[in-house]
Structures are given as C-alpha cells and as structure tokens.
Amino acid sequence: MGLLDGKVVFITGAARGQGRAHAVTAAKEGADVIITDICSPVDGIRYELASKDDLAKTQALVEQTGRRAVSAIADVRDQSALDAAVALGLDTFGRLDAVIANAGLWDLGPKAWDITEQMWTTVTDVVLGGTFRTIKATAPHLVEQRNGAIVCIASVGGLEATAGYTHYITAKHGVLGLMKNTALEIADYNVRCNAVCPGAVDAKIWDNPMGHQLFVAPGEEADRSVAIAATYGYAPLAGRPALPPNATSNAACWLLSDYAEHITGVALPVDAGHLLLPGVNFAPQTEGPEADRYRSPAQSPDDL
C-alpha cells in the first residue's frame, strides 16, 4: 500500500524540478494527480522556465507508474486559470483530496532598496500570491468534504535571512504566515495545512548561469560543478550537496498522508541540518563513502 492510495493531489509548478518530483512521488504512493505549470517565460526572469514539453514529460512519468494524470497550463497569478485547472481535475477524477502549492521563481538581484517595483511584484505575486490563489482554488472543495490536506512548499529562506534576493525571502516568510493562518481557519473542517522548507535542492530553478552566481564571490566564474561543490557547505549531514528534488517530495507526501493526520500548522525543514549551522559549514565533507553515495550526477536530474 502507498501513503496516498486512492487520493487525488493537485500540484502547481509541476513541469520539472521539485514539482515533477512531487507528482511522480505522489503517483508512486498511489495517487492520481492534477498537474499545472505556466509553461512560458515570465518578464524579467533571467533563467529559462519550464515548457509544455516539460509538463508533458511529467505527465508521462506519472502514467508510467500506473496512475492517472491530467495537466493544465495555468499561471498562479491568474485565479481563473487555477480555478479552471481544479475544475478539470474534478471533472476527470471526481474528487480532490490533497494539494501541493509548489510554484515559484526567484531572481538574484540588488539590495532590497534597489529592487525594481516590477521585480518585487513579479516574485512576490508568484511565490506568495500564487500560494494564496492555489489555496483559494482548492480549499472550498476540501472544506465541503470535511477532509483533506494542503502542503505549501516554502523554503529555509522562510525561516532565515539571506542576502541577494529579498523579494523571494520576504515572500517565503509570507508563505509560512499564510500556511499557519490557513491551518487555524480550516481546522474546523478537518482539513490540515502544513509547509515543507527545503534547503538547497538540485533543480533548474538555481542550476542555471544566474543561480550559479549565488555560490561564488562577485566577479568569480561559476558553473554547475562549482555550485554543487559549494552546496556541501550548506549542511552538516555528511556528504550532502544540494539535495535531490524527491527529498522535498517525500516529506510533502508524508504530510499529506494519514500518517500525519494529527499534524497541522507545521513548517518542516528538509535541509540536511542547514538551519543548525551558524551560517556556514567551515569544514564540509566532500570526500569519503558518504560523499560518493550522495554525489550529484554530472547533469541536472531534469536532463537525465
């Protein structure tokens, strides 16, 4: 038996990275899934976002597990698009049991006071506003059946300050506030709401030329290998560089399952101990059996 046997899970930002991992992991645990993504560029974002082909690949990977998937192109900044995606899923599967509000983006930018109005709005409206709209689109159906669970994908950046992307950090802090208040207000209907707070995760959202710069001093050259090497310093657990996307998904699916039926309003870090550090691991373990076991592939998991 799987953790989510017979359930239907709605997932945003599901075309690749953590979202794809959420969909495939949920399917392996017995769920059918409703998957959405924007599948187009967003003005001002300097890395390539997911495509229609990426979303189709996620659907195919779900179907390879023997479970069903329905997909919809939806921008989480558009309430009507999310409502339509939920309606499509209900028409297809006849029910909705769980939600993973995953869609997000970021930009590595200037100091807080130099962020443009446009970029502030873009990042916060996707990361925080998109989570709000996802809850708005799905919660009424969970309330009506008086059962269900929501997981918001936040970040360790919602629990600490990190220089270089104030809009994203602020929005992730907001996601945790939204999660807690939603958990409080929806509890009367036997519906739970929690968050997963990933640390460094090996996905395209940062595995790109802009994202690589996060891990080096200004002006230094960076590529995937340099960035991966730097992530060893983000966690004290032996041999962990940036974690695989399913590290987040395993936690999210557990929180959606009946094993977590008494848990609500919780922000669960999945960060290999990052938040235990005083800011940096001065002696990261990059050699040895643990490092060999957890070493990242030469290519991004999305390319394999």
C-alpha atoms as a PDB file:
ATOM      1  CA  MET A   1       0.000   0.000   0.000  1.00  0.00           C
ATOM      2  CA  GLY A   2       1.115   3.537  -0.715  1.00  0.00           C
ATOM      3  CA  LEU A   3       0.876   6.562   1.518  1.00  0.00           C
ATOM      4  CA  LEU A   4      -1.684   8.180  -0.788  1.00  0.00           C
ATOM      5  CA  ASP A   5      -3.661   5.241  -2.169  1.00  0.00           C
ATOM      6  CA  GLY A   6      -6.875   6.373  -3.820  1.00  0.00           C
ATOM      7  CA  LYS A   7      -6.255  10.083  -3.308  1.00  0.00           C
ATOM      8  CA  VAL A   8      -6.208  12.868  -5.888  1.00  0.00           C
ATOM      9  CA  VAL A   9      -3.491  15.507  -5.486  1.00  0.00           C
ATOM     10  CA  PHE A  10      -3.397  18.958  -7.123  1.00  0.00           C
ATOM     11  CA  ILE A  11       0.148  20.269  -7.762  1.00  0.00           C
ATOM     12  CA  THR A  12       1.309  23.619  -9.136  1.00  0.00           C
ATOM     13  CA  GLY A  13       4.678  24.209 -10.790  1.00  0.00           C
ATOM     14  CA  ALA A  14       4.772  20.527 -11.718  1.00  0.00           C
ATOM     15  CA  ALA A  15       6.561  20.589 -15.070  1.00  0.00           C
ATOM     16  CA  ARG A  16      10.048  19.928 -13.707  1.00  0.00           C
ATOM     17  CA  GLY A  17      12.262  20.038 -10.604  1.00  0.00           C
ATOM     18  CA  GLN A  18      10.551  19.666  -7.254  1.00  0.00           C
ATOM     19  CA  GLY A  19       7.092  19.890  -8.823  1.00  0.00           C
ATOM     20  CA  ARG A  20       7.809  16.950 -11.106  1.00  0.00           C
ATOM     21  CA  ALA A  21       9.194  15.013  -8.162  1.00  0.00           C
ATOM     22  CA  HIS A  22       6.039  15.766  -6.141  1.00  0.00           C
ATOM     23  CA  ALA A  23       3.865  14.417  -8.953  1.00  0.00           C
ATOM     24  CA  VAL A  24       5.881  11.252  -9.529  1.00  0.00           C
ATOM     25  CA  THR A  25       6.318  10.548  -5.812  1.00  0.00           C
ATOM     26  CA  ALA A  26       2.595  11.035  -5.170  1.00  0.00           C
ATOM     27  CA  ALA A  27       1.831   8.661  -8.037  1.00  0.00           C
ATOM     28  CA  LYS A  28       4.241   6.045  -6.708  1.00  0.00           C
ATOM     29  CA  GLU A  29       2.402   6.359  -3.390  1.00  0.00           C
ATOM     30  CA  GLY A  30      -0.906   5.573  -5.087  1.00  0.00           C
ATOM     31  CA  ALA A  31      -2.359   8.974  -6.025  1.00  0.00           C
ATOM     32  CA  ASP A  32      -3.767  10.339  -9.237  1.00  0.00           C
ATOM     33  CA  VAL A  33      -2.579  13.881  -9.905  1.00  0.00           C
ATOM     34  CA  ILE A  34      -3.718  17.174 -11.381  1.00  0.00           C
ATOM     35  CA  ILE A  35      -0.581  18.974 -12.558  1.00  0.00           C
ATOM     36  CA  THR A  36      -0.169  22.574 -13.671  1.00  0.00           C
ATOM     37  CA  ASP A  37       2.584  24.939 -14.754  1.00  0.00           C
ATOM     38  CA  ILE A  38       2.888  28.247 -16.586  1.00  0.00           C
ATOM     39  CA  CYS A  39       4.943  26.756 -19.469  1.00  0.00           C
ATOM     40  CA  SER A  40       6.064  30.156 -20.745  1.00  0.00           C
ATOM     41  CA  PRO A  41       8.591  32.864 -19.886  1.00  0.00           C
ATOM     42  CA  VAL A  42       7.898  35.498 -17.238  1.00  0.00           C
ATOM     43  CA  ASP A  43       9.039  39.057 -17.908  1.00  0.00           C
ATOM     44  CA  GLY A  44      12.233  39.918 -16.042  1.00  0.00           C
ATOM     45  CA  ILE A  45      13.146  36.359 -15.009  1.00  0.00           C
ATOM     46  CA  ARG A  46      16.641  35.625 -16.278  1.00  0.00           C
ATOM     47  CA  TYR A  47      16.564  31.857 -16.479  1.00  0.00           C
ATOM     48  CA  GLU A  48      14.521  29.511 -18.646  1.00  0.00           C
ATOM     49  CA  LEU A  49      11.246  28.395 -17.111  1.00  0.00           C
ATOM     50  CA  ALA A  50       9.526  25.087 -17.761  1.00  0.00           C
ATOM     51  CA  SER A  51       7.947  24.302 -21.130  1.00  0.00           C
ATOM     52  CA  LYS A  52       4.897  22.445 -22.409  1.00  0.00           C
ATOM     53  CA  ASP A  53       7.222  19.541 -23.229  1.00  0.00           C
ATOM     54  CA  ASP A  54       8.409  19.502 -19.605  1.00  0.00           C
ATOM     55  CA  LEU A  55       4.811  19.310 -18.376  1.00  0.00           C
ATOM     56  CA  ALA A  56       4.058  16.526 -20.856  1.00  0.00           C
ATOM     57  CA  LYS A  57       7.119  14.636 -19.617  1.00  0.00           C
ATOM     58  CA  THR A  58       5.890  14.887 -16.033  1.00  0.00           C
ATOM     59  CA  GLN A  59       2.510  13.520 -17.095  1.00  0.00           C
ATOM     60  CA  ALA A  60       4.199  10.641 -18.929  1.00  0.00           C
ATOM     61  CA  LEU A  61       6.363   9.815 -15.898  1.00  0.00           C
ATOM     62  CA  VAL A  62       3.261   9.713 -13.701  1.00  0.00           C
ATOM     63  CA  GLU A  63       1.454   7.452 -16.141  1.00  0.00           C
ATOM     64  CA  GLN A  64       4.452   5.112 -16.229  1.00  0.00           C
ATOM     65  CA  THR A  65       3.754   4.375 -12.561  1.00  0.00           C
ATOM     66  CA  GLY A  66       0.286   3.137 -13.478  1.00  0.00           C
ATOM     67  CA  ARG A  67      -1.512   6.159 -12.044  1.00  0.00           C
ATOM     68  CA  ARG A  68      -3.520   8.785 -13.903  1.00  0.00           C
ATOM     69  CA  ALA A  69      -2.630  12.415 -14.543  1.00  0.00           C
ATOM     70  CA  VAL A  70      -4.409  15.386 -16.034  1.00  0.00           C
ATOM     71  CA  SER A  71      -2.439  18.508 -16.907  1.00  0.00           C
ATOM     72  CA  ALA A  72      -3.326  22.152 -17.419  1.00  0.00           C
ATOM     73  CA  ILE A  73      -1.329  25.238 -18.302  1.00  0.00           C
ATOM     74  CA  ALA A  74      -2.020  27.721 -15.524  1.00  0.00           C
ATOM     75  CA  ASP A  75      -0.264  30.839 -14.267  1.00  0.00           C
ATOM     76  CA  VAL A  76      -0.605  31.034 -10.478  1.00  0.00           C
ATOM     77  CA  ARG A  77      -1.023  34.802 -10.862  1.00  0.00           C
ATOM     78  CA  ASP A  78      -4.348  34.093 -12.603  1.00  0.00           C
ATOM     79  CA  GLN A  79      -7.115  32.913 -10.274  1.00  0.00           C
ATOM     80  CA  SER A  80      -9.409  31.925 -13.130  1.00  0.00           C
ATOM     81  CA  ALA A  81      -6.722  29.677 -14.640  1.00  0.00           C
ATOM     82  CA  LEU A  82      -6.228  27.873 -11.333  1.00  0.00           C
ATOM     83  CA  ASP A  83      -9.982  27.523 -10.837  1.00  0.00           C
ATOM     84  CA  ALA A  84     -10.269  26.020 -14.322  1.00  0.00           C
ATOM     85  CA  ALA A  85      -7.449  23.551 -13.627  1.00  0.00           C
ATOM     86  CA  VAL A  86      -9.168  22.410 -10.435  1.00  0.00           C
ATOM     87  CA  ALA A  87     -12.470  22.055 -12.308  1.00  0.00           C
ATOM     88  CA  LEU A  88     -10.745  19.956 -14.987  1.00  0.00           C
ATOM     89  CA  GLY A  89      -9.340  17.678 -12.307  1.00  0.00           C
ATOM     90  CA  LEU A  90     -12.706  17.307 -10.608  1.00  0.00           C
ATOM     91  CA  ASP A  91     -14.369  16.509 -13.934  1.00  0.00           C
ATOM     92  CA  THR A  92     -11.718  13.870 -14.604  1.00  0.00           C
ATOM     93  CA  PHE A  93     -11.336  12.242 -11.201  1.00  0.00           C
ATOM     94  CA  GLY A  94     -14.489  13.264  -9.353  1.00  0.00           C
ATOM     95  CA  ARG A  95     -12.686  14.311  -6.202  1.00  0.00           C
ATOM     96  CA  LEU A  96      -9.838  16.292  -4.681  1.00  0.00           C
ATOM     97  CA  ASP A  97      -8.057  15.172  -1.526  1.00  0.00           C
ATOM     98  CA  ALA A  98      -4.753  16.994  -1.282  1.00  0.00           C
ATOM     99  CA  VAL A  99      -2.820  19.984  -2.566  1.00  0.00           C
ATOM    100  CA  ILE A 100       0.849  20.861  -3.026  1.00  0.00           C
ATOM    101  CA  ALA A 101       1.296  24.598  -3.641  1.00  0.00           C
ATOM    102  CA  ASN A 102       4.726  24.415  -5.231  1.00  0.00           C
ATOM    103  CA  ALA A 103       5.012  27.026  -7.999  1.00  0.00           C
ATOM    104  CA  GLY A 104       7.786  29.534  -7.507  1.00  0.00           C
ATOM    105  CA  LEU A 105      10.530  31.582  -9.116  1.00  0.00           C
ATOM    106  CA  TRP A 106      13.267  33.951  -7.999  1.00  0.00           C
ATOM    107  CA  ASP A 107      15.834  36.456  -9.130  1.00  0.00           C
ATOM    108  CA  LEU A 108      19.324  37.094  -7.818  1.00  0.00           C
ATOM    109  CA  GLY A 109      19.357  40.821  -7.591  1.00  0.00           C
ATOM    110  CA  PRO A 110      20.366  44.017  -5.881  1.00  0.00           C
ATOM    111  CA  LYS A 111      19.966  45.169  -2.306  1.00  0.00           C
ATOM    112  CA  ALA A 112      16.405  45.445  -1.016  1.00  0.00           C
ATOM    113  CA  TRP A 113      16.205  49.160  -1.695  1.00  0.00           C
ATOM    114  CA  ASP A 114      17.329  48.748  -5.297  1.00  0.00           C
ATOM    115  CA  ILE A 115      14.830  46.055  -6.314  1.00  0.00           C
ATOM    116  CA  THR A 116      12.541  47.391  -9.012  1.00  0.00           C
ATOM    117  CA  GLU A 117       8.814  47.623  -8.423  1.00  0.00           C
ATOM    118  CA  GLN A 118       8.263  45.236 -11.327  1.00  0.00           C
ATOM    119  CA  MET A 119      10.600  42.554  -9.994  1.00  0.00           C
ATOM    120  CA  TRP A 120       9.236  42.866  -6.445  1.00  0.00           C
ATOM    121  CA  THR A 121       5.713  42.380  -7.788  1.00  0.00           C
ATOM    122  CA  THR A 122       6.666  39.502 -10.083  1.00  0.00           C
ATOM    123  CA  VAL A 123       8.422  37.439  -7.429  1.00  0.00           C
ATOM    124  CA  THR A 124       6.020  38.079  -4.559  1.00  0.00           C
ATOM    125  CA  ASP A 125       2.948  37.605  -6.754  1.00  0.00           C
ATOM    126  CA  VAL A 126       4.121  34.155  -7.858  1.00  0.00           C
ATOM    127  CA  VAL A 127       5.665  32.888  -4.623  1.00  0.00           C
ATOM    128  CA  LEU A 128       3.203  34.280  -2.068  1.00  0.00           C
ATOM    129  CA  GLY A 129       0.275  35.327  -4.233  1.00  0.00           C
ATOM    130  CA  GLY A 130       0.388  32.044  -6.138  1.00  0.00           C
ATOM    131  CA  THR A 131       0.234  30.045  -2.921  1.00  0.00           C
ATOM    132  CA  PHE A 132      -2.732  32.140  -1.765  1.00  0.00           C
ATOM    133  CA  ARG A 133      -4.573  31.618  -5.063  1.00  0.00           C
ATOM    134  CA  THR A 134      -3.858  27.887  -5.027  1.00  0.00           C
ATOM    135  CA  ILE A 135      -5.405  27.626  -1.571  1.00  0.00           C
ATOM    136  CA  LYS A 136      -8.319  29.801  -2.702  1.00  0.00           C
ATOM    137  CA  ALA A 137      -8.952  27.497  -5.682  1.00  0.00           C
ATOM    138  CA  THR A 138      -8.762  24.236  -3.748  1.00  0.00           C
ATOM    139  CA  ALA A 139      -9.734  24.790  -0.118  1.00  0.00           C
ATOM    140  CA  PRO A 140     -13.504  25.078  -0.719  1.00  0.00           C
ATOM    141  CA  HIS A 141     -13.556  21.544  -2.117  1.00  0.00           C
ATOM    142  CA  LEU A 142     -11.655  20.151   0.869  1.00  0.00           C
ATOM    143  CA  VAL A 143     -13.911  22.069   3.251  1.00  0.00           C
ATOM    144  CA  GLU A 144     -17.009  20.697   1.542  1.00  0.00           C
ATOM    145  CA  GLN A 145     -15.916  17.088   2.072  1.00  0.00           C
ATOM    146  CA  ARG A 146     -14.571  17.915   5.553  1.00  0.00           C
ATOM    147  CA  ASN A 147     -11.314  16.132   4.900  1.00  0.00           C
ATOM    148  CA  GLY A 148      -8.028  16.820   3.159  1.00  0.00           C
ATOM    149  CA  ALA A 149      -4.565  18.306   3.434  1.00  0.00           C
ATOM    150  CA  ILE A 150      -2.563  21.147   1.930  1.00  0.00           C
ATOM    151  CA  VAL A 151       1.221  21.433   1.775  1.00  0.00           C
ATOM    152  CA  CYS A 152       2.847  24.751   0.900  1.00  0.00           C
ATOM    153  CA  ILE A 153       6.386  24.487  -0.439  1.00  0.00           C
ATOM    154  CA  ALA A 154       8.210  27.245   1.409  1.00  0.00           C
ATOM    155  CA  SER A 155      11.981  27.332   1.976  1.00  0.00           C
ATOM    156  CA  VAL A 156      14.588  27.592   4.678  1.00  0.00           C
ATOM    157  CA  GLY A 157      14.577  31.113   3.270  1.00  0.00           C
ATOM    158  CA  GLY A 158      11.230  31.500   5.010  1.00  0.00           C
ATOM    159  CA  LEU A 159      12.944  30.800   8.327  1.00  0.00           C
ATOM    160  CA  GLU A 160      16.135  32.843   7.947  1.00  0.00           C
ATOM    161  CA  ALA A 161      17.513  35.884   6.179  1.00  0.00           C
ATOM    162  CA  THR A 162      19.668  35.514   3.076  1.00  0.00           C
ATOM    163  CA  ALA A 163      21.192  38.424   1.189  1.00  0.00           C
ATOM    164  CA  GLY A 164      20.713  38.837  -2.529  1.00  0.00           C
ATOM    165  CA  TYR A 165      17.032  38.087  -3.079  1.00  0.00           C
ATOM    166  CA  THR A 166      14.951  39.984  -0.554  1.00  0.00           C
ATOM    167  CA  HIS A 167      11.750  39.684  -2.596  1.00  0.00           C
ATOM    168  CA  TYR A 168      11.958  35.874  -2.558  1.00  0.00           C
ATOM    169  CA  ILE A 169      12.932  35.643   1.115  1.00  0.00           C
ATOM    170  CA  THR A 170      10.121  38.005   2.088  1.00  0.00           C
ATOM    171  CA  ALA A 171       7.603  36.032   0.050  1.00  0.00           C
ATOM    172  CA  LYS A 172       8.676  32.718   1.596  1.00  0.00           C
ATOM    173  CA  HIS A 173       8.298  34.193   5.087  1.00  0.00           C
ATOM    174  CA  GLY A 174       4.831  35.224   3.967  1.00  0.00           C
ATOM    175  CA  VAL A 175       4.039  31.702   2.776  1.00  0.00           C
ATOM    176  CA  LEU A 176       4.640  30.433   6.304  1.00  0.00           C
ATOM    177  CA  GLY A 177       2.326  33.059   7.756  1.00  0.00           C
ATOM    178  CA  LEU A 178      -0.317  32.155   5.188  1.00  0.00           C
ATOM    179  CA  MET A 179       0.112  28.462   5.984  1.00  0.00           C
ATOM    180  CA  LYS A 180      -0.306  28.978   9.722  1.00  0.00           C
ATOM    181  CA  ASN A 181      -3.387  31.139   9.422  1.00  0.00           C
ATOM    182  CA  THR A 182      -4.928  28.789   6.877  1.00  0.00           C
ATOM    183  CA  ALA A 183      -4.259  25.864   9.207  1.00  0.00           C
ATOM    184  CA  LEU A 184      -6.033  27.699  12.010  1.00  0.00           C
ATOM    185  CA  GLU A 185      -9.046  28.712   9.948  1.00  0.00           C
ATOM    186  CA  ILE A 186      -9.513  25.420   8.119  1.00  0.00           C
ATOM    187  CA  ALA A 187      -9.071  23.158  11.143  1.00  0.00           C
ATOM    188  CA  ASP A 188     -12.793  23.314  11.970  1.00  0.00           C
ATOM    189  CA  TYR A 189     -13.424  21.378   8.764  1.00  0.00           C
ATOM    190  CA  ASN A 190     -10.936  18.565   9.479  1.00  0.00           C
ATOM    191  CA  VAL A 191      -8.534  19.897   6.845  1.00  0.00           C
ATOM    192  CA  ARG A 192      -4.833  20.312   7.587  1.00  0.00           C
ATOM    193  CA  CYS A 193      -2.276  22.785   6.218  1.00  0.00           C
ATOM    194  CA  ASN A 194       1.497  22.471   6.624  1.00  0.00           C
ATOM    195  CA  ALA A 195       4.672  23.603   4.885  1.00  0.00           C
ATOM    196  CA  VAL A 196       7.911  21.980   3.785  1.00  0.00           C
ATOM    197  CA  CYS A 197      11.002  24.203   3.932  1.00  0.00           C
ATOM    198  CA  PRO A 198      13.680  22.823   1.592  1.00  0.00           C
ATOM    199  CA  GLY A 199      17.306  23.796   1.796  1.00  0.00           C
ATOM    200  CA  ALA A 200      19.499  23.687  -1.312  1.00  0.00           C
ATOM    201  CA  VAL A 201      17.801  21.432  -3.890  1.00  0.00           C
ATOM    202  CA  ASP A 202      19.327  20.264  -7.164  1.00  0.00           C
ATOM    203  CA  ALA A 203      16.861  21.683  -9.689  1.00  0.00           C
ATOM    204  CA  LYS A 204      16.794  24.057 -12.644  1.00  0.00           C
ATOM    205  CA  ILE A 205      15.456  26.901 -10.509  1.00  0.00           C
ATOM    206  CA  TRP A 206      19.060  27.522  -9.421  1.00  0.00           C
ATOM    207  CA  ASP A 207      21.030  25.249 -11.791  1.00  0.00           C
ATOM    208  CA  ASN A 208      21.442  27.976 -14.385  1.00  0.00           C
ATOM    209  CA  PRO A 209      24.045  30.703 -15.006  1.00  0.00           C
ATOM    210  CA  MET A 210      22.287  33.199 -12.740  1.00  0.00           C
ATOM    211  CA  GLY A 211      21.762  30.684  -9.950  1.00  0.00           C
ATOM    212  CA  HIS A 212      25.371  29.522 -10.037  1.00  0.00           C
ATOM    213  CA  GLN A 213      26.455  33.044  -9.056  1.00  0.00           C
ATOM    214  CA  LEU A 214      24.756  32.573  -5.693  1.00  0.00           C
ATOM    215  CA  PHE A 215      27.594  30.272  -4.669  1.00  0.00           C
ATOM    216  CA  VAL A 216      30.655  32.343  -5.562  1.00  0.00           C
ATOM    217  CA  ALA A 217      32.076  35.739  -4.716  1.00  0.00           C
ATOM    218  CA  PRO A 218      31.065  38.608  -7.019  1.00  0.00           C
ATOM    219  CA  GLY A 219      33.045  38.545 -10.236  1.00  0.00           C
ATOM    220  CA  GLU A 220      34.121  34.897  -9.923  1.00  0.00           C
ATOM    221  CA  GLU A 221      33.260  32.351 -12.590  1.00  0.00           C
ATOM    222  CA  ALA A 222      30.744  29.667 -11.680  1.00  0.00           C
ATOM    223  CA  ASP A 223      29.239  26.618 -13.343  1.00  0.00           C
ATOM    224  CA  ARG A 224      27.282  23.593 -12.161  1.00  0.00           C
ATOM    225  CA  SER A 225      30.319  21.811 -10.725  1.00  0.00           C
ATOM    226  CA  VAL A 226      31.424  24.875  -8.749  1.00  0.00           C
ATOM    227  CA  ALA A 227      27.905  25.465  -7.444  1.00  0.00           C
ATOM    228  CA  ILE A 228      27.404  21.831  -6.412  1.00  0.00           C
ATOM    229  CA  ALA A 229      30.752  21.825  -4.627  1.00  0.00           C
ATOM    230  CA  ALA A 230      29.728  24.957  -2.722  1.00  0.00           C
ATOM    231  CA  THR A 231      26.468  23.394  -1.523  1.00  0.00           C
ATOM    232  CA  TYR A 232      28.400  20.890   0.598  1.00  0.00           C
ATOM    233  CA  GLY A 233      28.930  23.832   2.914  1.00  0.00           C
ATOM    234  CA  TYR A 234      25.185  24.359   3.347  1.00  0.00           C
ATOM    235  CA  ALA A 235      24.551  21.319   5.544  1.00  0.00           C
ATOM    236  CA  PRO A 236      26.258  19.442   8.383  1.00  0.00           C
ATOM    237  CA  LEU A 237      24.925  15.979   7.460  1.00  0.00           C
ATOM    238  CA  ALA A 238      27.815  14.040   5.964  1.00  0.00           C
ATOM    239  CA  GLY A 239      28.259  14.074   2.221  1.00  0.00           C
ATOM    240  CA  ARG A 240      25.154  16.065   1.271  1.00  0.00           C
ATOM    241  CA  PRO A 241      25.435  18.605  -1.526  1.00  0.00           C
ATOM    242  CA  ALA A 242      22.222  20.078  -2.965  1.00  0.00           C
ATOM    243  CA  LEU A 243      19.529  17.528  -2.179  1.00  0.00           C
ATOM    244  CA  PRO A 244      17.602  15.628  -4.869  1.00  0.00           C
ATOM    245  CA  PRO A 245      14.111  17.014  -5.551  1.00  0.00           C
ATOM    246  CA  ASN A 246      12.399  13.940  -4.116  1.00  0.00           C
ATOM    247  CA  ALA A 247      13.825  14.772  -0.684  1.00  0.00           C
ATOM    248  CA  THR A 248      11.212  17.522  -0.537  1.00  0.00           C
ATOM    249  CA  SER A 249       8.563  15.328  -2.155  1.00  0.00           C
ATOM    250  CA  ASN A 250       8.943  12.508   0.356  1.00  0.00           C
ATOM    251  CA  ALA A 251       8.255  14.942   3.185  1.00  0.00           C
ATOM    252  CA  ALA A 252       5.350  16.590   1.362  1.00  0.00           C
ATOM    253  CA  CYS A 253       3.645  13.283   0.591  1.00  0.00           C
ATOM    254  CA  TRP A 254       4.067  12.139   4.188  1.00  0.00           C
ATOM    255  CA  LEU A 255       2.420  15.351   5.403  1.00  0.00           C
ATOM    256  CA  LEU A 256      -0.475  14.711   3.005  1.00  0.00           C
ATOM    257  CA  SER A 257      -0.892  11.148   4.218  1.00  0.00           C
ATOM    258  CA  ASP A 258      -2.910   9.715   7.077  1.00  0.00           C
ATOM    259  CA  TYR A 259       0.328   9.150   8.986  1.00  0.00           C
ATOM    260  CA  ALA A 260       0.317  12.917   9.578  1.00  0.00           C
ATOM    261  CA  GLU A 261      -3.417  13.181  10.316  1.00  0.00           C
ATOM    262  CA  HIS A 262      -2.797  14.955  13.637  1.00  0.00           C
ATOM    263  CA  ILE A 263      -0.215  17.420  12.283  1.00  0.00           C
ATOM    264  CA  THR A 264      -1.181  20.900  11.124  1.00  0.00           C
ATOM    265  CA  GLY A 265       0.393  24.352  11.111  1.00  0.00           C
ATOM    266  CA  VAL A 266       3.940  22.949  10.968  1.00  0.00           C
ATOM    267  CA  ALA A 267       6.896  24.251   8.930  1.00  0.00           C
ATOM    268  CA  LEU A 268       9.093  21.178   8.343  1.00  0.00           C
ATOM    269  CA  PRO A 269      12.699  21.860   7.259  1.00  0.00           C
ATOM    270  CA  VAL A 270      14.169  19.372   4.781  1.00  0.00           C
ATOM    271  CA  ASP A 271      17.659  20.800   4.700  1.00  0.00           C
ATOM    272  CA  ALA A 272      20.152  18.149   5.877  1.00  0.00           C
ATOM    273  CA  GLY A 273      20.592  20.216   9.034  1.00  0.00           C
ATOM    274  CA  HIS A 274      21.298  23.567   7.361  1.00  0.00           C
ATOM    275  CA  LEU A 275      19.373  25.558   9.959  1.00  0.00           C
ATOM    276  CA  LEU A 276      21.586  24.102  12.701  1.00  0.00           C
ATOM    277  CA  LEU A 277      24.618  25.878  11.290  1.00  0.00           C
ATOM    278  CA  PRO A 278      25.771  29.323  12.451  1.00  0.00           C
ATOM    279  CA  GLY A 279      25.670  30.406   8.823  1.00  0.00           C
ATOM    280  CA  VAL A 280      28.264  28.296   7.037  1.00  0.00           C
ATOM    281  CA  ASN A 281      29.827  24.852   7.348  1.00  0.00           C
ATOM    282  CA  PHE A 282      33.527  25.648   7.663  1.00  0.00           C
ATOM    283  CA  ALA A 283      34.548  22.015   7.110  1.00  0.00           C
ATOM    284  CA  PRO A 284      32.186  20.420   4.585  1.00  0.00           C
ATOM    285  CA  GLN A 285      32.736  16.728   3.905  1.00  0.00           C
ATOM    286  CA  THR A 286      33.207  16.328   0.166  1.00  0.00           C
ATOM    287  CA  GLU A 287      35.244  13.095   0.130  1.00  0.00           C
ATOM    288  CA  GLY A 288      34.587   9.656   1.560  1.00  0.00           C
ATOM    289  CA  PRO A 289      31.870   6.980   1.289  1.00  0.00           C
ATOM    290  CA  GLU A 290      29.004   9.287   2.203  1.00  0.00           C
ATOM    291  CA  ALA A 291      30.097  11.869  -0.359  1.00  0.00           C
ATOM    292  CA  ASP A 292      30.395   9.153  -3.010  1.00  0.00           C
ATOM    293  CA  ARG A 293      26.941   7.856  -2.159  1.00  0.00           C
ATOM    294  CA  TYR A 294      25.230  11.241  -2.379  1.00  0.00           C
ATOM    295  CA  ARG A 295      27.354  12.840  -5.079  1.00  0.00           C
ATOM    296  CA  SER A 296      25.290  14.720  -7.650  1.00  0.00           C
ATOM    297  CA  PRO A 297      25.259  13.497 -11.257  1.00  0.00           C
ATOM    298  CA  ALA A 298      27.237  15.350 -13.891  1.00  0.00           C
ATOM    299  CA  GLN A 299      23.960  16.528 -15.402  1.00  0.00           C
ATOM    300  CA  SER A 300      20.886  18.008 -13.777  1.00  0.00           C
ATOM    301  CA  PRO A 301      18.304  15.323 -12.859  1.00  0.00           C
ATOM    302  CA  ASP A 302      15.901  17.116 -15.222  1.00  0.00           C
ATOM    303  CA  ASP A 303      18.219  16.263 -18.141  1.00  0.00           C
ATOM    304  CA  LEU A 304      18.544  12.543 -17.370  1.00  0.00           C
END
